[in-house]
Amino acid sequence: MHHRLATTIALAMAAFVAVADPAAAQSSSSSGEAKPPPRPSATEDEQRSIYTFQVENDVFNRFGTSDRDYTSGVRIGWLSPAITEMPQGIVAMTTIPTFLGEPAADSVIRRIAISAGQNIYTPENTYVSNPIYNDRPYAAWLYASFALQYTYKRHDTNTGIDEPMRLDTLQLDVGVIGPAAGGEFVQNNFHRLIGVAPAYGWANQLHNEPTINLTFERRWRTGRAVLIENPKLEVDFIPRAAVAVGNVATYASAGGTARIGKNLRDDFGPTRARPALPGSDAFIGDGSFGWYLFAGFDGQAVARNIFLDGNTDGFSQRVSHRPFVGEAQAGLAILWRGMRLSYTQILRTPEFFERDRITQFGSFNLTFRY
């Protein structure tokens, strides 16, 4: 069943990519000069599914006490076991060529992913029912994501195994923004449950609009070094670059994460929900204890953000988004017996001109392999 589902979703993603960028598909599938793709590979652990549960909220370690900006996000996800057989046409259409002169990979792990989530956004003052024209509008986004995730490996002569070196994620998000996304229902019922006043301005939220977004992100594992052999202490740096196109968000971004800890080869850093800094659901390892502290940064050049710019038809509240946004993150991840638990604290520079405030929220993530 896993392989049928994987092939179906891969075909859908490949068709979307071929329509969006037929030139890339043709160049990837051209014969003659093109190098053969790296061989599929998978360890026993990589042939298991990975499940993810995430909660993001501005209540975690907030300097302030009010809901505001990106105030809540939840996501559940499934990442397939490694796919050892995939039609070459799909592989050609969904393989993004190297663009920074990276060495060729010796093997590759291909997976498909399905996830669903909800994001909620509010202005700072949630105690008034009339429209607030100098702060971000109320908005909720309910979405489903379908992704292809390719982990490229290179053989390490020292360890005798193929080490992960690059992670490519091609993701399609489809959903709805507006009352149909259930933001008012979720937020206000949760507030009543914990004895907090509801948000009174949901009548002014963005109206219903279907959404579609395509995102590609590439991560590299670089600079890995062993500081102490016993007990082992390692460091590395993971640069990343991404581009997104759609009516939810259109942007280009670049950044990186520095890590220090044990068993850093197990993953490419902690997971984050889109459209914020994306992460990697996949992780490997032999079940032994691993951990790392991390700190990262990201810069975005933003062309569109529906949560600030308002509905595409122009008939909604809106503010003026800033064209450049920065974000810093720091946290801790622990891996043990097929599970990974991480916490990330995020600070984001002001996103729109009407208010000059920093956004802060925390992200808890539990990922386990089964």
Protein backbone atom coordinates (compact mmCIF):
# COMPACT_ATOMS: atom_id res chain seq x y z
CA MET A 1 0.00 0.00 0.00
CA HIS A 2 2.86 2.37 0.84
CA HIS A 3 4.40 1.91 -2.61
CA ARG A 4 1.09 2.46 -4.43
CA LEU A 5 0.44 5.65 -2.46
CA ALA A 6 4.02 6.82 -2.99
CA THR A 7 3.81 6.29 -6.76
CA THR A 8 0.45 8.07 -7.00
CA ILE A 9 1.64 11.16 -5.14
CA ALA A 10 4.97 11.19 -6.96
CA LEU A 11 3.13 11.15 -10.29
CA ALA A 12 0.97 14.07 -9.20
CA MET A 13 3.99 16.06 -8.04
CA ALA A 14 5.88 15.27 -11.23
CA ALA A 15 2.98 16.44 -13.37
CA PHE A 16 2.80 19.69 -11.44
CA VAL A 17 6.54 20.29 -11.81
CA ALA A 18 6.45 19.45 -15.52
CA VAL A 19 3.67 21.97 -16.11
CA ALA A 20 5.36 24.63 -13.95
CA ASP A 21 8.83 24.14 -15.44
CA PRO A 22 8.86 21.98 -18.58
CA ALA A 23 12.38 23.13 -19.50
CA ALA A 24 13.79 21.66 -16.31
CA ALA A 25 12.02 18.40 -16.97
CA GLN A 26 13.38 18.21 -20.50
CA SER A 27 16.94 19.03 -19.50
CA SER A 28 16.85 16.48 -16.70
CA SER A 29 15.62 13.72 -18.98
CA SER A 30 17.89 14.43 -21.94
CA SER A 31 20.07 11.51 -22.89
CA GLY A 32 23.68 11.28 -23.95
CA GLU A 33 25.61 13.76 -21.80
CA ALA A 34 23.50 13.39 -18.67
CA LYS A 35 25.10 11.40 -15.87
CA PRO A 36 23.18 8.40 -14.53
CA PRO A 37 21.27 9.16 -11.30
CA PRO A 38 22.76 7.92 -8.01
CA ARG A 39 21.71 4.43 -6.99
CA PRO A 40 18.86 4.05 -4.50
CA SER A 41 19.96 2.98 -1.03
CA ALA A 42 18.30 2.42 2.30
CA THR A 43 19.32 1.07 5.68
CA GLU A 44 16.90 -1.02 7.73
CA ASP A 45 15.84 2.02 9.75
CA GLU A 46 15.30 4.09 6.60
CA GLN A 47 12.77 1.52 5.41
CA ARG A 48 10.36 2.55 8.17
CA SER A 49 7.75 5.29 8.19
CA ILE A 50 8.32 8.51 10.13
CA TYR A 51 5.49 10.32 11.93
CA THR A 52 5.56 13.94 13.08
CA PHE A 53 3.48 16.02 15.48
CA GLN A 54 4.19 19.73 15.85
CA VAL A 55 2.81 22.53 17.99
CA GLU A 56 3.89 26.15 17.50
CA ASN A 57 2.55 28.95 19.68
CA ASP A 58 3.47 32.44 20.81
CA VAL A 59 2.71 31.51 24.43
CA PHE A 60 6.05 29.66 24.66
CA ASN A 61 8.62 31.93 26.36
CA ARG A 62 6.87 35.10 25.26
CA PHE A 63 8.06 38.51 26.52
CA GLY A 64 4.43 39.65 26.16
CA THR A 65 1.19 37.96 27.19
CA SER A 66 -1.14 38.64 24.26
CA ASP A 67 -1.88 36.60 21.15
CA ARG A 68 -0.53 38.37 18.11
CA ASP A 69 1.00 37.83 14.67
CA TYR A 70 1.65 34.11 14.05
CA THR A 71 -0.06 32.98 17.22
CA SER A 72 -0.64 29.23 16.70
CA GLY A 73 0.27 26.40 14.36
CA VAL A 74 -0.26 22.64 14.49
CA ARG A 75 0.81 19.98 12.01
CA ILE A 76 0.73 16.20 11.77
CA GLY A 77 2.71 14.38 9.10
CA TRP A 78 3.73 11.04 7.64
CA LEU A 79 6.97 10.39 5.78
CA SER A 80 7.09 7.18 3.78
CA PRO A 81 9.73 4.47 4.02
CA ALA A 82 12.54 4.82 1.50
CA ILE A 83 11.29 4.15 -2.03
CA THR A 84 13.73 1.81 -3.74
CA GLU A 85 11.89 1.74 -7.08
CA MET A 86 10.53 4.85 -8.80
CA PRO A 87 9.84 5.34 -12.53
CA GLN A 88 12.76 7.09 -14.22
CA GLY A 89 10.44 9.67 -15.76
CA ILE A 90 9.31 10.80 -12.31
CA VAL A 91 12.90 10.84 -11.08
CA ALA A 92 13.96 13.00 -14.04
CA MET A 93 11.12 15.50 -13.65
CA THR A 94 11.56 15.92 -9.89
CA THR A 95 15.36 15.97 -9.61
CA ILE A 96 16.64 19.53 -9.25
CA PRO A 97 20.16 19.88 -10.74
CA THR A 98 23.05 20.96 -8.54
CA PHE A 99 23.76 24.68 -8.78
CA LEU A 100 26.75 25.31 -6.51
CA GLY A 101 29.15 22.73 -7.89
CA GLU A 102 28.38 20.08 -5.29
CA PRO A 103 30.22 16.75 -5.72
CA ALA A 104 28.16 13.97 -7.28
CA ALA A 105 26.22 11.75 -4.91
CA ASP A 106 26.89 8.02 -4.67
CA SER A 107 23.40 7.05 -3.50
CA VAL A 108 20.00 8.58 -2.75
CA ILE A 109 17.03 8.01 -0.47
CA ARG A 110 13.68 9.00 -1.98
CA ARG A 111 10.57 9.45 0.14
CA ILE A 112 7.13 10.98 -0.19
CA ALA A 113 5.42 12.92 2.59
CA ILE A 114 1.85 13.83 3.47
CA SER A 115 0.91 16.29 6.20
CA ALA A 116 -1.96 18.49 7.33
CA GLY A 117 -1.96 21.58 9.49
CA GLN A 118 -3.55 24.82 10.56
CA ASN A 119 -1.96 28.24 11.14
CA ILE A 120 -3.66 31.14 12.96
CA TYR A 121 -2.72 34.85 12.76
CA THR A 122 -4.18 37.76 14.76
CA PRO A 123 -3.48 41.45 15.42
CA GLU A 124 -2.14 42.48 18.81
CA ASN A 125 -5.42 43.89 20.15
CA THR A 126 -7.90 41.02 20.20
CA TYR A 127 -10.36 42.74 22.57
CA VAL A 128 -12.11 44.94 19.98
CA SER A 129 -14.61 43.80 17.36
CA ASN A 130 -14.20 46.66 14.89
CA PRO A 131 -11.60 46.49 12.08
CA ILE A 132 -8.02 47.48 12.94
CA TYR A 133 -6.47 49.09 9.86
CA ASN A 134 -2.92 49.60 11.15
CA ASP A 135 -2.30 46.00 12.23
CA ARG A 136 -2.30 42.65 10.48
CA PRO A 137 -5.70 41.11 9.71
CA TYR A 138 -7.13 38.03 11.36
CA ALA A 139 -6.43 34.96 9.24
CA ALA A 140 -6.44 31.18 9.43
CA TRP A 141 -4.98 28.68 6.99
CA LEU A 142 -5.99 25.03 6.79
CA TYR A 143 -3.77 23.05 4.43
CA ALA A 144 -2.54 19.68 3.23
CA SER A 145 1.00 19.16 1.97
CA PHE A 146 2.41 16.64 -0.48
CA ALA A 147 6.17 16.43 -0.78
CA LEU A 148 9.02 14.57 -2.40
CA GLN A 149 12.11 14.42 -0.21
CA TYR A 150 15.44 13.29 -1.67
CA THR A 151 18.42 12.65 0.62
CA TYR A 152 21.69 12.43 -1.33
CA LYS A 153 24.61 10.51 0.17
CA ARG A 154 28.33 10.24 -0.51
CA HIS A 155 30.51 7.30 0.49
CA ASP A 156 32.83 8.00 3.42
CA THR A 157 35.99 5.93 3.22
CA ASN A 158 36.68 6.49 6.92
CA THR A 159 33.39 5.05 8.16
CA GLY A 160 32.73 2.75 5.18
CA ILE A 161 29.12 3.92 4.89
CA ASP A 162 27.19 6.41 2.76
CA GLU A 163 26.85 9.69 4.68
CA PRO A 164 23.93 12.11 4.06
CA MET A 165 25.27 15.22 2.33
CA ARG A 166 22.31 17.05 0.76
CA LEU A 167 18.55 17.18 1.32
CA ASP A 168 16.11 18.36 -1.37
CA THR A 169 12.44 18.93 -0.57
CA LEU A 170 9.85 19.73 -3.22
CA GLN A 171 6.52 20.46 -1.58
CA LEU A 172 3.03 21.30 -2.82
CA ASP A 173 0.65 22.92 -0.31
CA VAL A 174 -3.08 23.12 -1.04
CA GLY A 175 -5.73 24.45 1.30
CA VAL A 176 -8.06 27.28 2.18
CA ILE A 177 -7.79 30.62 3.94
CA GLY A 178 -10.79 32.24 5.62
CA PRO A 179 -13.67 31.15 7.88
CA ALA A 180 -13.57 27.68 6.29
CA ALA A 181 -10.12 27.21 7.87
CA GLY A 182 -11.71 27.18 11.35
CA GLY A 183 -9.42 29.70 13.04
CA GLU A 184 -12.13 31.39 15.12
CA PHE A 185 -13.57 28.04 16.23
CA VAL A 186 -10.20 26.64 17.30
CA GLN A 187 -8.82 29.74 19.00
CA ASN A 188 -11.90 30.86 20.89
CA ASN A 189 -12.94 27.40 22.04
CA PHE A 190 -9.42 26.76 23.30
CA HIS A 191 -9.47 30.12 25.11
CA ARG A 192 -12.76 29.21 26.78
CA LEU A 193 -11.29 25.85 27.80
CA ILE A 194 -8.34 27.50 29.58
CA GLY A 195 -10.36 30.42 30.95
CA VAL A 196 -8.98 33.15 28.67
CA ALA A 197 -11.04 35.86 26.98
CA PRO A 198 -11.90 35.09 23.34
CA ALA A 199 -10.64 37.12 20.39
CA TYR A 200 -13.48 39.45 19.34
CA GLY A 201 -12.37 40.51 15.88
CA TRP A 202 -12.73 37.36 13.82
CA ALA A 203 -15.58 38.93 11.83
CA ASN A 204 -12.84 40.94 10.09
CA GLN A 205 -10.72 37.98 9.00
CA LEU A 206 -9.62 37.30 5.43
CA HIS A 207 -12.47 35.76 3.45
CA ASN A 208 -12.49 32.26 1.99
CA GLU A 209 -9.92 31.66 -0.75
CA PRO A 210 -8.44 28.39 -2.01
CA THR A 211 -4.66 28.29 -1.82
CA ILE A 212 -1.86 26.58 -3.69
CA ASN A 213 1.87 26.96 -3.13
CA LEU A 214 4.95 25.20 -4.46
CA THR A 215 8.19 25.29 -2.45
CA PHE A 216 11.64 23.92 -3.12
CA GLU A 217 14.35 23.85 -0.46
CA ARG A 218 17.89 22.51 -0.50
CA ARG A 219 20.05 21.82 2.56
CA TRP A 220 23.70 20.83 2.72
CA ARG A 221 25.70 19.23 5.54
CA THR A 222 29.08 21.00 5.76
CA GLY A 223 31.91 21.66 8.16
CA ARG A 224 31.45 18.54 10.24
CA ALA A 225 34.26 18.14 12.77
CA VAL A 226 34.85 16.10 15.91
CA LEU A 227 35.88 18.26 18.86
CA ILE A 228 36.14 15.45 21.42
CA GLU A 229 36.33 11.71 20.66
CA ASN A 230 35.15 10.36 24.02
CA PRO A 231 32.55 11.38 24.97
CA LYS A 232 31.94 12.37 21.34
CA LEU A 233 31.27 16.03 20.67
CA GLU A 234 30.79 17.22 17.08
CA VAL A 235 30.01 20.44 15.24
CA ASP A 236 28.65 21.15 11.79
CA PHE A 237 26.92 23.83 9.72
CA ILE A 238 23.88 23.33 7.48
CA PRO A 239 23.37 26.03 4.81
CA ARG A 240 20.01 26.17 3.05
CA ALA A 241 18.31 27.94 0.19
CA ALA A 242 14.63 27.97 -0.77
CA VAL A 243 12.15 29.49 -3.17
CA ALA A 244 8.34 29.49 -2.97
CA VAL A 245 5.67 30.49 -5.49
CA GLY A 246 1.92 30.70 -4.91
CA ASN A 247 -0.95 32.80 -3.66
CA VAL A 248 -0.01 32.11 -0.01
CA ALA A 249 3.64 33.16 -0.13
CA THR A 250 6.13 34.03 -2.85
CA TYR A 251 9.70 34.49 -1.66
CA ALA A 252 13.34 33.49 -1.94
CA SER A 253 15.34 32.72 1.17
CA ALA A 254 18.80 31.69 2.33
CA GLY A 255 20.23 30.85 5.72
CA GLY A 256 21.92 28.22 7.81
CA THR A 257 22.10 26.42 11.15
CA ALA A 258 25.15 25.71 13.31
CA ARG A 259 25.00 22.68 15.61
CA ILE A 260 27.04 21.16 18.41
CA GLY A 261 26.33 17.77 19.97
CA LYS A 262 26.45 14.04 19.34
CA ASN A 263 25.31 11.98 16.31
CA LEU A 264 24.84 15.02 14.06
CA ARG A 265 24.68 12.79 10.98
CA ASP A 266 21.24 11.61 12.11
CA ASP A 267 19.36 14.54 10.55
CA PHE A 268 19.51 17.92 8.80
CA GLY A 269 18.20 19.96 11.72
CA PRO A 270 14.85 20.34 13.47
CA THR A 271 11.51 20.42 11.66
CA ARG A 272 9.49 23.61 11.26
CA ALA A 273 6.04 24.12 9.77
CA ARG A 274 5.69 26.02 6.50
CA PRO A 275 5.58 28.76 5.39
CA ALA A 276 8.18 29.54 8.07
CA LEU A 277 11.66 27.99 8.00
CA PRO A 278 11.16 24.48 6.70
CA GLY A 279 12.97 21.54 8.24
CA SER A 280 13.51 17.85 7.76
CA ASP A 281 11.10 15.23 9.05
CA ALA A 282 13.57 12.50 8.12
CA PHE A 283 16.22 11.31 10.52
CA ILE A 284 18.43 8.24 10.70
CA GLY A 285 20.52 6.59 13.39
CA ASP A 286 21.03 3.31 15.18
CA GLY A 287 18.78 4.06 18.15
CA SER A 288 21.60 5.25 20.38
CA PHE A 289 21.33 8.49 22.32
CA GLY A 290 22.06 11.68 20.43
CA TRP A 291 21.56 15.38 21.08
CA TYR A 292 22.51 18.80 19.80
CA LEU A 293 22.16 22.48 20.51
CA PHE A 294 21.57 24.64 17.46
CA ALA A 295 21.34 28.26 16.38
CA GLY A 296 20.39 29.49 12.94
CA PHE A 297 19.36 32.41 10.81
CA ASP A 298 17.32 32.99 7.67
CA GLY A 299 16.78 35.94 5.35
CA GLN A 300 13.79 36.25 3.03
CA ALA A 301 13.09 38.45 0.04
CA VAL A 302 9.28 38.58 0.07
CA ALA A 303 7.14 39.29 -2.98
CA ARG A 304 3.83 38.19 -1.46
CA ASN A 305 2.47 37.16 1.94
CA ILE A 306 -1.30 36.66 1.91
CA PHE A 307 -1.49 36.97 5.69
CA LEU A 308 -0.29 40.58 5.33
CA ASP A 309 -1.26 41.51 1.75
CA GLY A 310 -4.79 40.20 2.16
CA ASN A 311 -6.92 38.19 -0.24
CA THR A 312 -5.83 37.98 -3.86
CA ASP A 313 -8.99 39.74 -5.09
CA GLY A 314 -8.06 42.83 -3.04
CA PHE A 315 -11.35 42.94 -1.12
CA SER A 316 -10.03 42.40 2.41
CA GLN A 317 -8.02 44.09 5.12
CA ARG A 318 -4.33 44.37 4.45
CA VAL A 319 -1.10 45.95 5.61
CA SER A 320 2.12 46.74 3.72
CA HIS A 321 4.57 43.84 3.94
CA ARG A 322 8.27 44.54 4.25
CA PRO A 323 10.25 43.22 1.28
CA PHE A 324 13.03 41.79 3.47
CA VAL A 325 12.54 39.80 6.67
CA GLY A 326 15.09 38.14 8.93
CA GLU A 327 14.64 35.31 11.39
CA ALA A 328 16.81 33.77 14.11
CA GLN A 329 16.23 30.43 15.80
CA ALA A 330 17.85 28.47 18.61
CA GLY A 331 17.00 25.33 20.51
CA LEU A 332 17.71 21.76 21.55
CA ALA A 333 17.04 18.39 19.89
CA ILE A 334 17.25 14.96 21.54
CA LEU A 335 17.26 11.65 19.62
CA TRP A 336 16.82 8.27 21.30
CA ARG A 337 15.41 4.87 20.29
CA GLY A 338 13.80 5.99 17.06
CA MET A 339 12.37 9.24 18.46
CA ARG A 340 13.38 12.88 18.12
CA LEU A 341 12.10 15.63 20.40
CA SER A 342 13.04 19.23 19.70
CA TYR A 343 12.20 22.70 20.92
CA THR A 344 12.94 25.81 18.86
CA GLN A 345 12.66 29.45 19.91
CA ILE A 346 12.12 31.83 17.00
CA LEU A 347 12.58 35.61 16.67
CA ARG A 348 11.43 37.30 13.46
CA THR A 349 12.10 40.90 12.44
CA PRO A 350 9.12 43.22 11.76
CA GLU A 351 7.13 41.91 8.79
CA PHE A 352 5.04 44.98 7.89
CA PHE A 353 5.48 48.74 7.97
CA GLU A 354 2.44 49.68 10.07
CA ARG A 355 3.92 48.12 13.23
CA ASP A 356 7.58 47.93 14.23
CA ARG A 357 7.61 44.83 16.42
CA ILE A 358 9.49 41.57 16.59
CA THR A 359 7.55 38.32 16.35
CA GLN A 360 8.42 35.62 18.86
CA PHE A 361 7.10 32.08 19.24
CA GLY A 362 8.20 28.58 20.19
CA SER A 363 7.96 25.26 18.37
CA PHE A 364 7.70 21.78 19.91
CA ASN A 365 8.23 18.81 17.63
CA LEU A 366 7.93 15.07 18.26
CA THR A 367 9.06 12.76 15.46
CA PHE A 368 9.20 8.98 15.72
CA ARG A 369 10.03 6.12 13.41
CA TYR A 370 7.78 3.05 13.18
